[in-house]
């Protein structure tokens, strides 16, 4: 594996690890196998001539990305783009779902076909998309707070 390939692999693993663990204060017990694989990959940094990217703590035998890695990686930029896109997609989707279900009688919600749902949802999602594209969150308000 070349130095560049190792660096790209570090980026992939860094992003995956961020998605799995970033919202958890403590390490997730159900992600232990992933954490072990991350540590194994980090342990090869010196062999891949990338020692400046991973810090090895000899006391705990744990490896972590260095500040230099985090300053120079494109992974953080990609994660920020992903988070931003995910935020808008989820917001639009959830608002549209709420609006669709407000239009439909309670007893019809469970029996609505996916085709009918999308037929109702798509124009609503498009309207939210256009609104947020033009004005971001400027006009989004909670009523009766």
C-alpha atoms as a PDB file:
ATOM      1  CA  UNK A   1       0.000   0.000   0.000  1.00  0.00           C
ATOM      2  CA  UNK A   2       1.378   3.398  -0.927  1.00  0.00           C
ATOM      3  CA  UNK A   3       1.625   6.320   1.478  1.00  0.00           C
ATOM      4  CA  UNK A   4      -1.178   8.085  -0.404  1.00  0.00           C
ATOM      5  CA  UNK A   5      -3.408   4.990  -0.289  1.00  0.00           C
ATOM      6  CA  UNK A   6      -2.834   4.690   3.453  1.00  0.00           C
ATOM      7  CA  UNK A   7      -3.710   8.360   3.882  1.00  0.00           C
ATOM      8  CA  UNK A   8      -6.946   7.858   1.912  1.00  0.00           C
ATOM      9  CA  UNK A   9      -7.756   4.780   3.975  1.00  0.00           C
ATOM     10  CA  UNK A  10      -7.189   6.843   7.134  1.00  0.00           C
ATOM     11  CA  UNK A  11      -9.674   9.382   5.792  1.00  0.00           C
ATOM     12  CA  UNK A  12     -12.285   6.673   5.155  1.00  0.00           C
ATOM     13  CA  UNK A  13     -11.810   5.196   8.609  1.00  0.00           C
ATOM     14  CA  UNK A  14     -11.812   8.620  10.270  1.00  0.00           C
ATOM     15  CA  UNK A  15     -15.132   9.464   8.593  1.00  0.00           C
ATOM     16  CA  UNK A  16     -16.688   6.093   9.438  1.00  0.00           C
ATOM     17  CA  UNK A  17     -15.521   6.366  13.030  1.00  0.00           C
ATOM     18  CA  UNK A  18     -16.988   9.875  13.234  1.00  0.00           C
ATOM     19  CA  UNK A  19     -20.369   8.680  11.971  1.00  0.00           C
ATOM     20  CA  UNK A  20     -20.407   5.789  14.451  1.00  0.00           C
ATOM     21  CA  UNK A  21     -19.077   7.552  17.554  1.00  0.00           C
ATOM     22  CA  UNK A  22     -19.412  11.336  17.295  1.00  0.00           C
ATOM     23  CA  UNK A  23     -22.743  11.564  19.123  1.00  0.00           C
ATOM     24  CA  UNK A  24     -21.684   9.308  21.990  1.00  0.00           C
ATOM     25  CA  UNK A  25     -19.741  10.573  24.995  1.00  0.00           C
ATOM     26  CA  UNK A  26     -18.477   7.109  25.865  1.00  0.00           C
ATOM     27  CA  UNK A  27     -17.329   4.486  23.420  1.00  0.00           C
ATOM     28  CA  UNK A  28     -20.216   2.445  22.089  1.00  0.00           C
ATOM     29  CA  UNK A  29     -20.167  -1.126  23.316  1.00  0.00           C
ATOM     30  CA  UNK A  30     -21.797  -2.311  20.107  1.00  0.00           C
ATOM     31  CA  UNK A  31     -18.994  -0.794  18.006  1.00  0.00           C
ATOM     32  CA  UNK A  32     -16.085  -2.500  19.723  1.00  0.00           C
ATOM     33  CA  UNK A  33     -15.050  -4.516  16.653  1.00  0.00           C
ATOM     34  CA  UNK A  34     -14.922  -1.331  14.580  1.00  0.00           C
ATOM     35  CA  UNK A  35     -12.869   0.427  17.247  1.00  0.00           C
ATOM     36  CA  UNK A  36     -10.396  -2.463  17.296  1.00  0.00           C
ATOM     37  CA  UNK A  37     -10.037  -2.308  13.526  1.00  0.00           C
ATOM     38  CA  UNK A  38      -9.479   1.467  13.673  1.00  0.00           C
ATOM     39  CA  UNK A  39      -6.737   0.938  16.255  1.00  0.00           C
ATOM     40  CA  UNK A  40      -5.131  -1.741  14.094  1.00  0.00           C
ATOM     41  CA  UNK A  41      -5.126   0.522  11.047  1.00  0.00           C
ATOM     42  CA  UNK A  42      -3.693   3.421  13.058  1.00  0.00           C
ATOM     43  CA  UNK A  43      -0.934   1.136  14.366  1.00  0.00           C
ATOM     44  CA  UNK A  44       0.474   0.802  10.834  1.00  0.00           C
ATOM     45  CA  UNK A  45       1.032   4.550  10.396  1.00  0.00           C
ATOM     46  CA  UNK A  46       4.805   4.396  10.873  1.00  0.00           C
ATOM     47  CA  UNK A  47       5.136   1.484   8.446  1.00  0.00           C
ATOM     48  CA  UNK A  48       3.208   3.501   5.845  1.00  0.00           C
ATOM     49  CA  UNK A  49       5.504   6.529   6.363  1.00  0.00           C
ATOM     50  CA  UNK A  50       2.558   8.390   7.912  1.00  0.00           C
ATOM     51  CA  UNK A  51       3.741   8.556  11.512  1.00  0.00           C
ATOM     52  CA  UNK A  52       3.012  12.288  11.621  1.00  0.00           C
ATOM     53  CA  UNK A  53      -0.689  11.511  11.146  1.00  0.00           C
ATOM     54  CA  UNK A  54      -1.215   9.163  14.100  1.00  0.00           C
ATOM     55  CA  UNK A  55      -0.118   9.563  17.723  1.00  0.00           C
ATOM     56  CA  UNK A  56       0.752   6.401  19.621  1.00  0.00           C
ATOM     57  CA  UNK A  57       0.221   6.537  23.382  1.00  0.00           C
ATOM     58  CA  UNK A  58       2.667   3.924  24.665  1.00  0.00           C
ATOM     59  CA  UNK A  59       1.096   3.866  28.159  1.00  0.00           C
ATOM     60  CA  UNK A  60      -2.428   3.015  26.996  1.00  0.00           C
ATOM     61  CA  UNK A  61      -1.401   1.404  23.710  1.00  0.00           C
ATOM     62  CA  UNK A  62      -3.999   3.557  21.941  1.00  0.00           C
ATOM     63  CA  UNK A  63      -3.639   5.412  18.688  1.00  0.00           C
ATOM     64  CA  UNK A  64      -5.308   8.690  17.786  1.00  0.00           C
ATOM     65  CA  UNK A  65      -5.132  11.036  14.808  1.00  0.00           C
ATOM     66  CA  UNK A  66      -2.720  13.902  15.378  1.00  0.00           C
ATOM     67  CA  UNK A  67      -3.562  17.577  15.182  1.00  0.00           C
ATOM     68  CA  UNK A  68      -1.540  17.687  11.986  1.00  0.00           C
ATOM     69  CA  UNK A  69      -3.758  15.008  10.455  1.00  0.00           C
ATOM     70  CA  UNK A  70      -6.922  16.863  11.454  1.00  0.00           C
ATOM     71  CA  UNK A  71      -5.527  20.149  10.064  1.00  0.00           C
ATOM     72  CA  UNK A  72      -4.585  18.621   6.724  1.00  0.00           C
ATOM     73  CA  UNK A  73      -7.270  16.028   6.020  1.00  0.00           C
ATOM     74  CA  UNK A  74     -10.133  16.631   3.641  1.00  0.00           C
ATOM     75  CA  UNK A  75     -12.247  14.223   5.710  1.00  0.00           C
ATOM     76  CA  UNK A  76     -13.456  16.976   8.046  1.00  0.00           C
ATOM     77  CA  UNK A  77     -14.656  19.078   5.121  1.00  0.00           C
ATOM     78  CA  UNK A  78     -16.468  16.063   3.670  1.00  0.00           C
ATOM     79  CA  UNK A  79     -18.077  15.315   7.042  1.00  0.00           C
ATOM     80  CA  UNK A  80     -19.256  18.911   7.357  1.00  0.00           C
ATOM     81  CA  UNK A  81     -20.810  18.714   3.884  1.00  0.00           C
ATOM     82  CA  UNK A  82     -22.441  15.411   4.812  1.00  0.00           C
ATOM     83  CA  UNK A  83     -23.800  16.812   8.084  1.00  0.00           C
ATOM     84  CA  UNK A  84     -25.171  19.887   6.332  1.00  0.00           C
ATOM     85  CA  UNK A  85     -26.819  17.881   3.549  1.00  0.00           C
ATOM     86  CA  UNK A  86     -28.226  15.391   6.055  1.00  0.00           C
ATOM     87  CA  UNK A  87     -29.650  18.191   8.202  1.00  0.00           C
ATOM     88  CA  UNK A  88     -31.534  19.782   5.291  1.00  0.00           C
ATOM     89  CA  UNK A  89     -32.715  16.443   3.876  1.00  0.00           C
ATOM     90  CA  UNK A  90     -33.993  15.260   7.257  1.00  0.00           C
ATOM     91  CA  UNK A  91     -35.653  18.585   8.066  1.00  0.00           C
ATOM     92  CA  UNK A  92     -37.432  18.739   4.715  1.00  0.00           C
ATOM     93  CA  UNK A  93     -38.455  15.089   4.837  1.00  0.00           C
ATOM     94  CA  UNK A  94     -39.822  15.291   8.376  1.00  0.00           C
ATOM     95  CA  UNK A  95     -41.713  18.524   7.787  1.00  0.00           C
ATOM     96  CA  UNK A  96     -43.233  17.102   4.607  1.00  0.00           C
ATOM     97  CA  UNK A  97     -44.199  13.890   6.396  1.00  0.00           C
ATOM     98  CA  UNK A  98     -45.916  15.902   9.118  1.00  0.00           C
ATOM     99  CA  UNK A  99     -47.759  17.964   6.505  1.00  0.00           C
ATOM    100  CA  UNK A 100     -48.875  14.920   4.515  1.00  0.00           C
ATOM    101  CA  UNK A 101     -50.241  13.235   7.620  1.00  0.00           C
ATOM    102  CA  UNK A 102     -52.038  16.426   8.624  1.00  0.00           C
ATOM    103  CA  UNK A 103     -53.838  16.324   5.249  1.00  0.00           C
ATOM    104  CA  UNK A 104     -54.994  12.727   5.631  1.00  0.00           C
ATOM    105  CA  UNK A 105     -57.629  11.383   7.984  1.00  0.00           C
ATOM    106  CA  UNK A 106     -56.167   9.399  10.897  1.00  0.00           C
ATOM    107  CA  UNK A 107     -57.725   6.107   9.765  1.00  0.00           C
ATOM    108  CA  UNK A 108     -56.251   6.445   6.244  1.00  0.00           C
ATOM    109  CA  UNK A 109     -52.663   7.072   7.333  1.00  0.00           C
ATOM    110  CA  UNK A 110     -51.813   3.439   7.909  1.00  0.00           C
ATOM    111  CA  UNK A 111     -53.442   2.286   4.681  1.00  0.00           C
ATOM    112  CA  UNK A 112     -51.941   4.981   2.433  1.00  0.00           C
ATOM    113  CA  UNK A 113     -49.886   3.458  -0.371  1.00  0.00           C
ATOM    114  CA  UNK A 114     -46.307   4.556  -0.851  1.00  0.00           C
ATOM    115  CA  UNK A 115     -47.298   5.951  -4.256  1.00  0.00           C
ATOM    116  CA  UNK A 116     -49.996   8.152  -2.711  1.00  0.00           C
ATOM    117  CA  UNK A 117     -47.609   9.244   0.015  1.00  0.00           C
ATOM    118  CA  UNK A 118     -44.962  10.302  -2.525  1.00  0.00           C
ATOM    119  CA  UNK A 119     -47.568  11.983  -4.717  1.00  0.00           C
ATOM    120  CA  UNK A 120     -48.539  14.132  -1.756  1.00  0.00           C
ATOM    121  CA  UNK A 121     -45.047  14.510  -0.327  1.00  0.00           C
ATOM    122  CA  UNK A 122     -43.009  15.506  -3.393  1.00  0.00           C
ATOM    123  CA  UNK A 123     -44.569  18.950  -3.997  1.00  0.00           C
ATOM    124  CA  UNK A 124     -44.375  19.721  -0.287  1.00  0.00           C
ATOM    125  CA  UNK A 125     -40.725  18.700  -0.144  1.00  0.00           C
ATOM    126  CA  UNK A 126     -39.988  20.821  -3.218  1.00  0.00           C
ATOM    127  CA  UNK A 127     -41.659  23.842  -1.602  1.00  0.00           C
ATOM    128  CA  UNK A 128     -39.582  23.414   1.564  1.00  0.00           C
ATOM    129  CA  UNK A 129     -36.434  22.896  -0.499  1.00  0.00           C
ATOM    130  CA  UNK A 130     -37.013  26.147  -2.402  1.00  0.00           C
ATOM    131  CA  UNK A 131     -37.865  28.042   0.792  1.00  0.00           C
ATOM    132  CA  UNK A 132     -34.778  26.885   2.662  1.00  0.00           C
ATOM    133  CA  UNK A 133     -32.550  27.421  -0.364  1.00  0.00           C
ATOM    134  CA  UNK A 134     -33.710  31.043  -0.604  1.00  0.00           C
ATOM    135  CA  UNK A 135     -34.014  31.943   3.055  1.00  0.00           C
ATOM    136  CA  UNK A 136     -32.281  29.223   5.060  1.00  0.00           C
ATOM    137  CA  UNK A 137     -33.879  29.119   8.525  1.00  0.00           C
ATOM    138  CA  UNK A 138     -34.762  32.829   8.617  1.00  0.00           C
ATOM    139  CA  UNK A 139     -38.527  32.262   8.481  1.00  0.00           C
ATOM    140  CA  UNK A 140     -38.704  29.010  10.411  1.00  0.00           C
ATOM    141  CA  UNK A 141     -40.456  29.635  13.721  1.00  0.00           C
ATOM    142  CA  UNK A 142     -42.250  27.570  16.330  1.00  0.00           C
ATOM    143  CA  UNK A 143     -45.806  28.696  16.896  1.00  0.00           C
ATOM    144  CA  UNK A 144     -47.230  28.938  20.419  1.00  0.00           C
ATOM    145  CA  UNK A 145     -43.952  28.617  22.284  1.00  0.00           C
END
